[in-house]
């Protein structure tokens, strides 16, 4: 499974200063789901796909 997420970064005053598009791929490995962000090279794992999607979204900031 793969999804694209648009992430908006805000400065310390809460003003948006840039937006990036991140691609996440998910796959089940044994008892866990693994998620990888192609652009950042980060990964995480969780027990369910829904938890994995929440965790990988946190890798890039608040998804919009």
Protein backbone atom coordinates (compact mmCIF):
# COMPACT_ATOMS: atom_id res chain seq x y z
CA UNK A 1 0.00 0.00 0.00
CA UNK A 2 1.27 3.49 -0.78
CA UNK A 3 -0.04 6.98 -0.12
CA UNK A 4 1.05 10.54 -0.76
CA UNK A 5 0.67 13.12 2.02
CA UNK A 6 0.99 16.90 1.72
CA UNK A 7 2.71 18.35 4.80
CA UNK A 8 2.77 22.04 5.70
CA UNK A 9 5.52 23.29 8.02
CA UNK A 10 4.86 26.30 10.21
CA UNK A 11 7.36 28.61 11.87
CA UNK A 12 7.43 29.33 15.62
CA UNK A 13 4.66 31.93 15.16
CA UNK A 14 2.36 29.42 13.49
CA UNK A 15 2.76 30.91 10.02
CA UNK A 16 3.08 28.36 7.18
CA UNK A 17 6.48 28.69 5.54
CA UNK A 18 6.70 25.70 3.18
CA UNK A 19 4.82 22.65 1.95
CA UNK A 20 6.23 19.27 0.85
CA UNK A 21 4.72 16.15 -0.63
CA UNK A 22 5.82 12.89 1.03
CA UNK A 23 5.31 9.33 -0.20
CA UNK A 24 4.74 6.58 2.36
CA UNK A 25 4.70 2.87 1.61
CA UNK A 26 3.30 0.30 4.03
CA UNK A 27 3.65 -3.44 4.18
CA UNK A 28 2.90 -6.12 6.70
CA UNK A 29 5.88 -8.09 7.96
CA UNK A 30 5.04 -10.96 10.26
CA UNK A 31 3.04 -9.49 13.17
CA UNK A 32 3.78 -5.81 12.45
CA UNK A 33 3.19 -3.19 9.79
CA UNK A 34 6.24 -1.28 8.52
CA UNK A 35 6.02 2.17 7.00
CA UNK A 36 8.76 3.94 5.04
CA UNK A 37 8.93 7.55 3.86
CA UNK A 38 10.72 7.54 0.49
CA UNK A 39 11.80 11.20 0.56
CA UNK A 40 13.07 11.32 4.17
CA UNK A 41 14.38 7.78 4.45
CA UNK A 42 12.59 7.30 7.78
CA UNK A 43 10.65 4.26 8.91
CA UNK A 44 8.47 3.08 11.77
CA UNK A 45 6.48 0.01 12.74
CA UNK A 46 3.23 -0.70 14.57
CA UNK A 47 0.81 -3.53 15.30
CA UNK A 48 -1.91 -2.27 12.92
CA UNK A 49 -1.96 -0.44 9.59
CA UNK A 50 -3.97 2.43 11.08
CA UNK A 51 -1.39 2.98 13.83
CA UNK A 52 1.37 2.81 11.26
CA UNK A 53 -0.26 5.52 9.16
CA UNK A 54 -0.55 7.74 12.24
CA UNK A 55 3.10 7.19 13.17
CA UNK A 56 4.49 7.84 9.69
CA UNK A 57 2.39 10.97 9.33
CA UNK A 58 4.20 12.20 12.44
CA UNK A 59 7.54 11.69 10.69
CA UNK A 60 6.73 14.51 8.31
CA UNK A 61 4.72 16.80 10.57
CA UNK A 62 1.03 17.52 10.63
CA UNK A 63 -0.59 16.18 7.48
CA UNK A 64 -3.01 18.47 5.72
